[in-house]
Amino acid sequence: MTKKNEVTVNQQHQDQALVKRPENGERHMVPMADIYESADAFVVMLDMPGSRKENVNITVDRSNLVIRGEVGPLHKEKGIALHTEISGLDYQRTFNLGEEIDPSNVDARYEDGVLTIKLYKKEEVKPREIRIQ
């Protein structure tokens, strides 16, 4: 039995997956990600080659981080496409956020096909040093 929100993986290239949602036929690539934790934040790095900064959208709410990126036409020459795996394919990835993230304090930058998002922790969950008197 298939649930409505379930996705199927059609093709896998190393650690990236091409996902197709059965209910609407939408296709997108799930970008590879690295996640790091520091004392004050979580850092999420996503590999999104072919996207441009202006075509990347990041949404944060209380419980989700949603990243979408559009890959436009990469080839400027006119002609018939014989094989395409990058052009016209969008990126999409969703992460569940924990209670310790401050959704109003997020930074993002995009450089050389890598999106880096810094999700700062709430002040009350950051480690703090206690002075001995």
C-alpha atoms as a PDB file:
ATOM      1  CA  MET A   1       0.000   0.000   0.000  1.00  0.00           C
ATOM      2  CA  THR A   2       1.369   3.387  -0.969  1.00  0.00           C
ATOM      3  CA  LYS A   3       0.854   6.425   1.213  1.00  0.00           C
ATOM      4  CA  LYS A   4       0.113   9.768  -0.433  1.00  0.00           C
ATOM      5  CA  ASN A   5       3.313  11.438   0.838  1.00  0.00           C
ATOM      6  CA  GLU A   6       5.545   8.527  -0.057  1.00  0.00           C
ATOM      7  CA  VAL A   7       8.208   9.026  -2.689  1.00  0.00           C
ATOM      8  CA  THR A   8       9.862   6.537  -4.973  1.00  0.00           C
ATOM      9  CA  VAL A   9      13.501   6.607  -5.964  1.00  0.00           C
ATOM     10  CA  ASN A  10      13.770   6.092  -9.704  1.00  0.00           C
ATOM     11  CA  GLN A  11      17.467   6.435 -10.236  1.00  0.00           C
ATOM     12  CA  GLN A  12      20.503   6.782  -8.008  1.00  0.00           C
ATOM     13  CA  HIS A  13      23.780   8.464  -8.926  1.00  0.00           C
ATOM     14  CA  GLN A  14      26.233   7.851  -6.096  1.00  0.00           C
ATOM     15  CA  ASP A  15      24.502   9.488  -3.107  1.00  0.00           C
ATOM     16  CA  GLN A  16      22.080  11.697  -5.053  1.00  0.00           C
ATOM     17  CA  ALA A  17      18.628  10.411  -5.820  1.00  0.00           C
ATOM     18  CA  LEU A  18      16.139  11.384  -8.499  1.00  0.00           C
ATOM     19  CA  VAL A  19      12.773  11.445  -6.793  1.00  0.00           C
ATOM     20  CA  LYS A  20       9.377  11.363  -8.438  1.00  0.00           C
ATOM     21  CA  ARG A  21       6.187  11.970  -6.499  1.00  0.00           C
ATOM     22  CA  PRO A  22       3.571   9.566  -7.868  1.00  0.00           C
ATOM     23  CA  GLU A  23       0.561  11.797  -7.187  1.00  0.00           C
ATOM     24  CA  ASN A  24       1.654  14.714  -9.388  1.00  0.00           C
ATOM     25  CA  GLY A  25       4.575  13.366 -11.441  1.00  0.00           C
ATOM     26  CA  GLU A  26       6.899  16.055 -10.044  1.00  0.00           C
ATOM     27  CA  ARG A  27      10.597  15.210 -10.370  1.00  0.00           C
ATOM     28  CA  HIS A  28      13.455  16.654  -8.388  1.00  0.00           C
ATOM     29  CA  MET A  29      16.977  15.815  -7.309  1.00  0.00           C
ATOM     30  CA  VAL A  30      17.741  15.363  -3.612  1.00  0.00           C
ATOM     31  CA  PRO A  31      21.076  17.165  -3.128  1.00  0.00           C
ATOM     32  CA  MET A  32      23.824  15.603  -1.027  1.00  0.00           C
ATOM     33  CA  ALA A  33      24.325  17.336   2.316  1.00  0.00           C
ATOM     34  CA  ASP A  34      26.829  17.628   5.152  1.00  0.00           C
ATOM     35  CA  ILE A  35      25.675  18.825   8.580  1.00  0.00           C
ATOM     36  CA  TYR A  36      27.986  20.136  11.275  1.00  0.00           C
ATOM     37  CA  GLU A  37      27.294  21.295  14.826  1.00  0.00           C
ATOM     38  CA  SER A  38      29.164  24.019  16.676  1.00  0.00           C
ATOM     39  CA  ALA A  39      28.503  25.490  20.113  1.00  0.00           C
ATOM     40  CA  ASP A  40      26.158  28.145  18.712  1.00  0.00           C
ATOM     41  CA  ALA A  41      24.737  26.718  15.460  1.00  0.00           C
ATOM     42  CA  PHE A  42      24.121  23.871  13.045  1.00  0.00           C
ATOM     43  CA  VAL A  43      25.661  24.267   9.589  1.00  0.00           C
ATOM     44  CA  VAL A  44      24.025  22.546   6.601  1.00  0.00           C
ATOM     45  CA  MET A  45      25.980  22.391   3.333  1.00  0.00           C
ATOM     46  CA  LEU A  46      24.223  21.204   0.170  1.00  0.00           C
ATOM     47  CA  ASP A  47      25.758  20.391  -3.193  1.00  0.00           C
ATOM     48  CA  MET A  48      23.540  22.051  -5.846  1.00  0.00           C
ATOM     49  CA  PRO A  49      25.547  22.419  -9.079  1.00  0.00           C
ATOM     50  CA  GLY A  50      23.844  24.192 -11.948  1.00  0.00           C
ATOM     51  CA  SER A  51      21.612  26.328  -9.722  1.00  0.00           C
ATOM     52  CA  ARG A  52      22.097  30.049  -9.449  1.00  0.00           C
ATOM     53  CA  LYS A  53      21.852  32.015  -6.233  1.00  0.00           C
ATOM     54  CA  GLU A  54      18.722  33.805  -7.442  1.00  0.00           C
ATOM     55  CA  ASN A  55      17.028  30.456  -8.215  1.00  0.00           C
ATOM     56  CA  VAL A  56      17.495  29.002  -4.724  1.00  0.00           C
ATOM     57  CA  ASN A  57      14.690  29.348  -2.182  1.00  0.00           C
ATOM     58  CA  ILE A  58      15.033  28.579   1.539  1.00  0.00           C
ATOM     59  CA  THR A  59      12.053  28.397   3.895  1.00  0.00           C
ATOM     60  CA  VAL A  60      12.302  27.928   7.661  1.00  0.00           C
ATOM     61  CA  ASP A  61       9.413  27.473  10.041  1.00  0.00           C
ATOM     62  CA  ARG A  62       9.233  26.025  13.533  1.00  0.00           C
ATOM     63  CA  SER A  63       9.858  22.453  12.492  1.00  0.00           C
ATOM     64  CA  ASN A  64      11.150  22.364   8.894  1.00  0.00           C
ATOM     65  CA  LEU A  65      13.950  23.665   6.727  1.00  0.00           C
ATOM     66  CA  VAL A  66      12.950  23.413   3.051  1.00  0.00           C
ATOM     67  CA  ILE A  67      15.455  24.081   0.271  1.00  0.00           C
ATOM     68  CA  ARG A  68      14.498  24.339  -3.392  1.00  0.00           C
ATOM     69  CA  GLY A  69      16.767  25.159  -6.298  1.00  0.00           C
ATOM     70  CA  GLU A  70      16.008  25.461  -9.973  1.00  0.00           C
ATOM     71  CA  VAL A  71      18.447  24.517 -12.698  1.00  0.00           C
ATOM     72  CA  GLY A  72      17.748  26.491 -15.839  1.00  0.00           C
ATOM     73  CA  PRO A  73      19.078  25.769 -19.282  1.00  0.00           C
ATOM     74  CA  LEU A  74      22.842  25.293 -19.103  1.00  0.00           C
ATOM     75  CA  HIS A  75      23.537  25.272 -22.829  1.00  0.00           C
ATOM     76  CA  LYS A  76      23.135  28.483 -24.762  1.00  0.00           C
ATOM     77  CA  GLU A  77      23.553  26.947 -28.206  1.00  0.00           C
ATOM     78  CA  LYS A  78      20.460  26.136 -30.216  1.00  0.00           C
ATOM     79  CA  GLY A  79      19.971  22.527 -31.032  1.00  0.00           C
ATOM     80  CA  ILE A  80      18.228  19.328 -30.107  1.00  0.00           C
ATOM     81  CA  ALA A  81      19.071  17.864 -26.701  1.00  0.00           C
ATOM     82  CA  LEU A  82      20.267  14.300 -27.137  1.00  0.00           C
ATOM     83  CA  HIS A  83      20.620  13.486 -23.444  1.00  0.00           C
ATOM     84  CA  THR A  84      19.944  15.647 -20.384  1.00  0.00           C
ATOM     85  CA  GLU A  85      20.328  14.826 -16.697  1.00  0.00           C
ATOM     86  CA  ILE A  86      20.975  18.305 -15.302  1.00  0.00           C
ATOM     87  CA  SER A  87      19.044  20.894 -17.315  1.00  0.00           C
ATOM     88  CA  GLY A  88      15.438  21.400 -16.306  1.00  0.00           C
ATOM     89  CA  LEU A  89      15.801  19.436 -13.089  1.00  0.00           C
ATOM     90  CA  ASP A  90      15.109  21.034  -9.733  1.00  0.00           C
ATOM     91  CA  TYR A  91      16.636  20.348  -6.343  1.00  0.00           C
ATOM     92  CA  GLN A  92      14.546  19.857  -3.234  1.00  0.00           C
ATOM     93  CA  ARG A  93      15.402  18.747   0.274  1.00  0.00           C
ATOM     94  CA  THR A  94      13.590  19.034   3.601  1.00  0.00           C
ATOM     95  CA  PHE A  95      15.084  18.717   7.068  1.00  0.00           C
ATOM     96  CA  ASN A  96      13.196  18.456  10.342  1.00  0.00           C
ATOM     97  CA  LEU A  97      14.410  21.025  12.846  1.00  0.00           C
ATOM     98  CA  GLY A  98      14.683  20.381  16.550  1.00  0.00           C
ATOM     99  CA  GLU A  99      13.356  22.602  19.304  1.00  0.00           C
ATOM    100  CA  GLU A 100      16.823  24.074  19.868  1.00  0.00           C
ATOM    101  CA  ILE A 101      16.847  26.015  16.542  1.00  0.00           C
ATOM    102  CA  ASP A 102      15.895  29.705  16.455  1.00  0.00           C
ATOM    103  CA  PRO A 103      13.910  29.959  13.151  1.00  0.00           C
ATOM    104  CA  SER A 104      14.326  33.749  13.110  1.00  0.00           C
ATOM    105  CA  ASN A 105      18.138  33.535  13.171  1.00  0.00           C
ATOM    106  CA  VAL A 106      19.357  31.821   9.985  1.00  0.00           C
ATOM    107  CA  ASP A 107      22.115  32.828   7.539  1.00  0.00           C
ATOM    108  CA  ALA A 108      22.700  31.442   4.036  1.00  0.00           C
ATOM    109  CA  ARG A 109      25.280  31.849   1.298  1.00  0.00           C
ATOM    110  CA  TYR A 110      25.748  30.235  -2.081  1.00  0.00           C
ATOM    111  CA  GLU A 111      29.151  29.874  -3.669  1.00  0.00           C
ATOM    112  CA  ASP A 112      30.523  27.598  -6.401  1.00  0.00           C
ATOM    113  CA  GLY A 113      27.429  25.360  -6.424  1.00  0.00           C
ATOM    114  CA  VAL A 114      27.428  24.847  -2.640  1.00  0.00           C
ATOM    115  CA  LEU A 115      24.656  26.247  -0.456  1.00  0.00           C
ATOM    116  CA  THR A 116      25.696  26.818   3.169  1.00  0.00           C
ATOM    117  CA  ILE A 117      22.972  27.468   5.739  1.00  0.00           C
ATOM    118  CA  LYS A 118      23.767  28.378   9.340  1.00  0.00           C
ATOM    119  CA  LEU A 119      20.920  27.659  11.779  1.00  0.00           C
ATOM    120  CA  TYR A 120      21.623  29.331  15.091  1.00  0.00           C
ATOM    121  CA  LYS A 121      20.633  27.707  18.362  1.00  0.00           C
ATOM    122  CA  LYS A 122      18.315  29.369  20.862  1.00  0.00           C
ATOM    123  CA  GLU A 123      20.190  31.132  23.639  1.00  0.00           C
ATOM    124  CA  GLU A 124      18.803  28.822  26.318  1.00  0.00           C
ATOM    125  CA  VAL A 125      20.314  25.706  24.715  1.00  0.00           C
ATOM    126  CA  LYS A 126      23.791  27.119  24.041  1.00  0.00           C
ATOM    127  CA  PRO A 127      26.485  25.936  26.408  1.00  0.00           C
ATOM    128  CA  ARG A 128      27.571  28.576  28.848  1.00  0.00           C
ATOM    129  CA  GLU A 129      30.431  28.791  31.263  1.00  0.00           C
ATOM    130  CA  ILE A 130      29.661  29.105  34.957  1.00  0.00           C
ATOM    131  CA  ARG A 131      32.097  31.110  37.026  1.00  0.00           C
ATOM    132  CA  ILE A 132      33.057  29.701  40.381  1.00  0.00           C
ATOM    133  CA  GLN A 133      32.867  32.249  43.180  1.00  0.00           C
END
